[in-house]
Protein backbone atom coordinates (compact mmCIF):
# COMPACT_ATOMS: atom_id res chain seq x y z
CA UNK A 1 -9.04 -0.49 17.97
CA UNK A 2 -8.64 0.68 14.37
CA UNK A 3 -6.11 -0.41 11.76
CA UNK A 4 -5.96 1.40 8.42
CA UNK A 5 -3.48 0.53 5.66
CA UNK A 6 -3.29 0.91 1.88
CA UNK A 7 -5.35 -2.26 1.45
CA UNK A 8 -7.59 -2.51 4.52
CA UNK A 9 -9.65 -0.62 7.08
CA UNK A 10 -10.64 -2.68 10.11
CA UNK A 11 -12.28 -2.00 13.46
CA UNK A 12 -11.88 -4.41 16.36
CA UNK A 13 -14.29 -3.95 19.25
CA UNK A 14 -15.62 -5.77 22.31
CA UNK A 15 -19.37 -5.82 22.97
CA UNK A 16 -21.82 -7.76 25.13
CA UNK A 17 -24.35 -7.75 22.27
CA UNK A 18 -22.83 -8.60 18.87
CA UNK A 19 -25.76 -7.43 16.73
CA UNK A 20 -26.17 -4.17 18.62
CA UNK A 21 -22.43 -3.53 18.56
CA UNK A 22 -22.19 -4.08 14.80
CA UNK A 23 -25.19 -1.83 14.24
CA UNK A 24 -23.68 1.01 16.32
CA UNK A 25 -20.30 0.80 14.58
CA UNK A 26 -21.97 0.71 11.15
CA UNK A 27 -24.12 3.72 12.05
CA UNK A 28 -21.01 5.58 13.23
CA UNK A 29 -19.10 4.90 9.99
CA UNK A 30 -22.13 5.85 7.89
CA UNK A 31 -22.52 9.16 9.74
CA UNK A 32 -18.80 10.00 9.84
CA UNK A 33 -18.26 9.60 6.08
CA UNK A 34 -21.80 10.34 4.87
CA UNK A 35 -22.11 6.94 3.18
CA UNK A 36 -25.59 5.34 2.95
CA UNK A 37 -25.85 2.33 5.26
CA UNK A 38 -26.87 -0.05 2.46
CA UNK A 39 -23.87 0.94 0.35
CA UNK A 40 -21.60 0.62 3.37
CA UNK A 41 -22.90 -2.83 4.36
CA UNK A 42 -22.21 -4.13 0.83
CA UNK A 43 -18.53 -3.33 1.38
CA UNK A 44 -18.15 -4.77 4.90
CA UNK A 45 -17.20 -8.18 6.22
CA UNK A 46 -17.93 -8.99 9.86
CA UNK A 47 -16.34 -11.63 12.07
CA UNK A 48 -16.99 -12.37 15.73
CA UNK A 49 -15.51 -14.39 18.61
CA UNK A 50 -12.76 -16.86 17.61
CA UNK A 51 -13.10 -16.03 13.91
CA UNK A 52 -12.23 -12.39 14.68
CA UNK A 53 -9.21 -13.46 16.75
CA UNK A 54 -7.93 -15.80 14.04
CA UNK A 55 -8.37 -13.02 11.49
CA UNK A 56 -6.22 -10.68 13.60
CA UNK A 57 -3.53 -13.37 13.80
CA UNK A 58 -3.62 -13.88 10.03
CA UNK A 59 -3.39 -10.14 9.42
CA UNK A 60 -0.42 -9.70 11.74
CA UNK A 61 1.32 -12.73 10.26
CA UNK A 62 1.01 -11.36 6.73
CA UNK A 63 -1.31 -14.15 5.54
CA UNK A 64 -4.19 -11.81 4.74
CA UNK A 65 -2.13 -9.22 2.87
CA UNK A 66 -2.40 -8.43 -0.81
CA UNK A 67 1.29 -9.41 -1.00
CA UNK A 68 1.59 -12.49 1.21
CA UNK A 69 4.25 -12.05 3.88
CA UNK A 70 4.76 -8.30 3.32
CA UNK A 71 6.57 -6.72 6.24
CA UNK A 72 4.72 -3.46 6.80
CA UNK A 73 1.54 -4.96 8.24
CA UNK A 74 3.29 -6.15 11.41
CA UNK A 75 4.51 -2.64 12.26
CA UNK A 76 1.04 -1.30 11.40
CA UNK A 77 -0.60 -3.82 13.72
CA UNK A 78 1.92 -2.92 16.43
CA UNK A 79 1.05 0.76 15.97
CA UNK A 80 -2.65 -0.11 16.22
CA UNK A 81 -1.89 -1.86 19.53
CA UNK A 82 0.12 1.10 20.86
CA UNK A 83 -2.54 3.68 19.97
CA UNK A 84 -5.49 1.67 21.26
CA UNK A 85 -3.86 0.75 24.56
CA UNK A 86 -2.04 4.04 25.16
CA UNK A 87 -3.24 7.36 26.55
CA UNK A 88 -6.58 8.23 24.96
CA UNK A 89 -6.97 4.71 23.52
CA UNK A 90 -10.21 2.76 23.97
CA UNK A 91 -8.95 -0.83 24.26
CA UNK A 92 -9.78 -2.75 27.44
CA UNK A 93 -8.33 -6.00 28.79
CA UNK A 94 -9.70 -8.23 26.02
CA UNK A 95 -8.46 -6.12 23.09
CA UNK A 96 -5.19 -5.45 24.90
CA UNK A 97 -4.48 -9.15 25.18
CA UNK A 98 -5.69 -9.99 21.67
CA UNK A 99 -3.62 -7.31 19.94
CA UNK A 100 -0.56 -8.10 22.04
CA UNK A 101 -0.92 -11.77 21.08
CA UNK A 102 -1.37 -10.85 17.41
CA UNK A 103 1.83 -8.78 17.38
CA UNK A 104 3.75 -11.57 19.13
CA UNK A 105 2.39 -14.12 16.64
CA UNK A 106 3.40 -11.90 13.71
CA UNK A 107 6.97 -11.74 15.03
CA UNK A 108 7.11 -15.52 15.46
CA UNK A 109 5.78 -16.12 11.95
CA UNK A 110 8.59 -14.04 10.49
CA UNK A 111 11.25 -15.49 12.77
CA UNK A 112 10.31 -19.16 12.41
CA UNK A 113 9.10 -19.39 8.79
CA UNK A 114 10.24 -18.17 5.38
CA UNK A 115 7.08 -16.17 4.68
CA UNK A 116 8.92 -12.83 4.54
CA UNK A 117 11.66 -14.12 2.22
CA UNK A 118 12.25 -11.63 -0.59
CA UNK A 119 11.07 -8.54 1.31
CA UNK A 120 7.84 -8.22 -0.66
CA UNK A 121 5.63 -5.16 -0.09
CA UNK A 122 2.97 -3.04 -1.75
CA UNK A 123 5.78 -0.77 -2.92
CA UNK A 124 7.70 -3.61 -4.56
CA UNK A 125 4.50 -4.82 -6.25
CA UNK A 126 3.89 -1.26 -7.53
CA UNK A 127 7.39 -1.11 -9.04
CA UNK A 128 6.84 -4.52 -10.60
CA UNK A 129 3.53 -3.34 -12.07
CA UNK A 130 5.36 -0.48 -13.78
CA UNK A 131 8.06 -2.86 -14.98
CA UNK A 132 5.43 -5.12 -16.55
CA UNK A 133 3.36 -2.30 -18.08
CA UNK A 134 5.86 0.43 -19.04
CA UNK A 135 6.65 -0.88 -22.52
CA UNK A 136 2.99 -1.40 -23.41
CA UNK A 137 1.88 1.94 -21.93
CA UNK A 138 4.87 4.13 -22.75
CA UNK A 139 6.95 2.17 -25.28
CA UNK A 140 9.89 2.56 -22.91
CA UNK A 141 12.03 0.29 -20.75
CA UNK A 142 12.66 0.86 -17.04
CA UNK A 143 16.12 2.39 -17.58
CA UNK A 144 14.54 5.11 -19.74
CA UNK A 145 12.00 6.28 -17.14
CA UNK A 146 11.92 9.58 -15.26
CA UNK A 147 10.21 8.75 -11.96
CA UNK A 148 8.31 11.08 -9.62
CA UNK A 149 7.36 10.04 -6.07
CA UNK A 150 4.78 12.09 -4.16
CA UNK A 151 5.57 11.75 -0.45
CA UNK A 152 8.78 10.92 1.40
CA UNK A 153 7.69 8.45 4.09
CA UNK A 154 8.24 4.71 4.47
CA UNK A 155 6.41 3.82 1.25
CA UNK A 156 8.61 6.25 -0.67
CA UNK A 157 11.73 4.75 0.90
CA UNK A 158 10.67 1.28 -0.22
CA UNK A 159 9.90 2.58 -3.72
CA UNK A 160 13.42 4.03 -4.04
CA UNK A 161 14.86 0.78 -2.69
CA UNK A 162 13.09 -1.27 -5.36
CA UNK A 163 13.64 1.23 -8.17
CA UNK A 164 17.42 1.38 -7.75
CA UNK A 165 18.16 -2.12 -9.12
CA UNK A 166 16.05 -1.24 -12.19
CA UNK A 167 18.45 1.62 -13.05
CA UNK A 168 15.71 4.15 -13.79
CA UNK A 169 16.83 7.38 -15.43
CA UNK A 170 15.90 9.73 -12.57
CA UNK A 171 13.93 9.86 -9.31
CA UNK A 172 12.28 13.11 -8.18
CA UNK A 173 10.73 13.15 -4.69
CA UNK A 174 8.04 15.75 -3.96
CA UNK A 175 7.27 16.51 -0.33
CA UNK A 176 6.02 19.37 1.83
CA UNK A 177 9.04 19.16 4.16
CA UNK A 178 12.50 18.79 2.64
CA UNK A 179 14.06 17.11 5.70
CA UNK A 180 12.64 13.69 4.80
CA UNK A 181 13.93 14.00 1.25
CA UNK A 182 17.37 14.79 2.65
CA UNK A 183 17.15 11.60 4.74
CA UNK A 184 16.35 9.61 1.60
CA UNK A 185 19.29 11.20 -0.21
CA UNK A 186 21.57 10.25 2.67
CA UNK A 187 20.21 6.70 2.79
CA UNK A 188 20.41 6.18 -0.99
CA UNK A 189 23.38 8.29 -2.19
CA UNK A 190 23.63 6.38 -5.48
CA UNK A 191 19.98 7.02 -6.39
CA UNK A 192 20.61 10.67 -7.37
CA UNK A 193 17.31 11.75 -5.80
CA UNK A 194 16.07 15.15 -7.00
CA UNK A 195 14.17 17.12 -4.31
CA UNK A 196 11.04 19.11 -5.14
CA UNK A 197 8.57 21.13 -3.08
CA UNK A 198 4.80 20.73 -3.02
CA UNK A 199 4.44 23.85 -5.19
CA UNK A 200 6.37 22.03 -7.91
CA UNK A 201 4.18 18.91 -7.81
CA UNK A 202 2.16 19.41 -11.00
CA UNK A 203 5.12 20.42 -13.21
CA UNK A 204 7.08 17.41 -11.91
CA UNK A 205 4.17 15.04 -12.55
CA UNK A 206 3.68 16.58 -15.99
CA UNK A 207 7.21 15.84 -17.17
CA UNK A 208 7.66 12.43 -15.50
CA UNK A 209 7.00 9.11 -17.19
CA UNK A 210 5.78 7.49 -13.97
CA UNK A 211 4.38 9.05 -10.79
CA UNK A 212 3.89 7.05 -7.59
CA UNK A 213 1.54 8.67 -5.06
CA UNK A 214 2.03 7.82 -1.39
CA UNK A 215 1.24 10.92 0.67
CA UNK A 216 -0.88 11.39 3.78
CA UNK A 217 -3.41 13.58 1.94
CA UNK A 218 -7.03 12.93 2.93
CA UNK A 219 -8.43 13.50 -0.57
CA UNK A 220 -7.21 13.11 -4.18
CA UNK A 221 -4.40 15.50 -5.11
CA UNK A 222 -4.30 14.39 -8.77
CA UNK A 223 -7.51 14.41 -10.76
CA UNK A 224 -8.79 15.09 -14.26
CA UNK A 225 -9.03 18.88 -13.89
CA UNK A 226 -5.47 19.50 -12.67
CA UNK A 227 -3.91 16.88 -14.97
CA UNK A 228 -5.43 18.27 -18.17
CA UNK A 229 -2.98 20.72 -19.69
CA UNK A 230 -0.27 19.55 -17.26
CA UNK A 231 0.92 16.36 -18.95
CA UNK A 232 3.85 16.88 -21.31
CA UNK A 233 4.14 13.20 -22.28
CA UNK A 234 2.39 9.84 -21.95
CA UNK A 235 2.55 8.82 -18.31
CA UNK A 236 1.64 6.18 -15.75
CA UNK A 237 0.18 7.20 -12.38
CA UNK A 238 0.31 4.58 -9.62
CA UNK A 239 -1.59 5.24 -6.39
CA UNK A 240 -0.60 3.24 -3.28
CA UNK A 241 -2.16 5.60 -0.74
CA UNK A 242 -5.05 5.43 1.72
CA UNK A 243 -7.15 7.47 1.31
CA UNK A 244 -6.47 7.49 -2.41
CA UNK A 245 -4.30 10.32 -3.71
CA UNK A 246 -5.39 9.90 -7.32
CA UNK A 247 -8.90 10.01 -8.74
CA UNK A 248 -8.06 7.21 -11.18
CA UNK A 249 -11.48 7.25 -12.87
CA UNK A 250 -11.07 10.91 -13.81
CA UNK A 251 -7.34 10.62 -14.45
CA UNK A 252 -7.88 7.85 -16.99
CA UNK A 253 -10.03 10.26 -18.98
CA UNK A 254 -6.92 12.35 -19.66
CA UNK A 255 -5.53 11.24 -23.02
CA UNK A 256 -1.87 10.85 -22.01
CA UNK A 257 -2.55 9.15 -18.65
CA UNK A 258 -2.80 5.52 -17.55
CA UNK A 259 -3.76 5.46 -13.84
CA UNK A 260 -3.48 2.44 -11.55
CA UNK A 261 -4.43 1.82 -7.91
CA UNK A 262 -3.90 -0.88 -5.28
CA UNK A 263 -6.59 -3.07 -6.83
CA UNK A 264 -4.53 -3.28 -10.04
CA UNK A 265 -1.63 -4.75 -8.06
CA UNK A 266 -3.68 -7.89 -7.41
CA UNK A 267 -3.11 -9.09 -10.98
CA UNK A 268 0.66 -8.69 -10.56
CA UNK A 269 0.61 -10.54 -7.24
CA UNK A 270 -1.60 -13.32 -8.63
CA UNK A 271 0.75 -13.78 -11.60
CA UNK A 272 3.74 -14.00 -9.25
CA UNK A 273 2.02 -16.62 -7.12
CA UNK A 274 1.22 -18.64 -10.25
CA UNK A 275 4.83 -18.43 -11.45
CA UNK A 276 6.16 -19.41 -8.00
CA UNK A 277 3.76 -22.37 -7.86
CA UNK A 278 4.81 -23.52 -11.34
CA UNK A 279 8.48 -23.14 -10.38
CA UNK A 280 7.93 -25.21 -7.24
CA UNK A 281 6.20 -27.93 -9.29
CA UNK A 282 9.07 -28.04 -11.80
CA UNK A 283 11.61 -28.17 -8.98
CA UNK A 284 9.67 -30.99 -7.33
CA UNK A 285 9.53 -32.93 -10.59
CA UNK A 286 13.26 -32.37 -11.08
CA UNK A 287 13.92 -33.85 -7.65
CA UNK A 288 11.81 -36.88 -8.50
CA UNK A 289 13.72 -37.37 -11.76
CA UNK A 290 17.03 -37.12 -9.96
């Protein structure tokens, strides 16, 4: 069973020989993506038996997410379960039961605890990153920003949802098919979403203050070569896709560009956790004083 999100790629498998199984899976990944085994091993973590099961439960419950309690991982784990146990899937009885249990546990965590309070997600963290950085990077406030979103799926919907309270100046959505953009327009009539086709992507990116990338492309669609000569103003590029849509190393070599990826969101999330912890301490002290 395979689960792939914007912040993780995991393979769950059952084997009678742990060392042989790990070796075969590692060899497969190395061959499929033409990555040297040594380089690949440096980027892997491996869990077995009960540790692997507990990890799956933590993932489904939102405890292992970049943004603790984010809601998308449960639906992604459910999709992993459906694909691996459905027609053409490779899960047997053990994985079937484990993934089913993980999905059930994830539902209970959200129903019986307050972990999902606030509706946090990678998309909300990305919007918050822009809110924290836009004045330093662009010398502009959120209500002055022209926003461009590449893609019109669930991540894009969440971006629009979190951008609306910030009263950004405009939101342009670029997508191959226009039907999904129409759905977003219907869902968020007050957002004044501007539709754009894939052919218009570079001009839209060039004139936007901030571009969020969240498409299903399998390789970078924004990189140094197609950004040079395109940018009409200083801009922020924020990539929340897997595989990455933006070659941030090359993009950051373009004078007007500041490019960010999922790893950069960790600082925002860590700061939020610190603020929440401090707030809880102050509240606790206030209760003691009272």
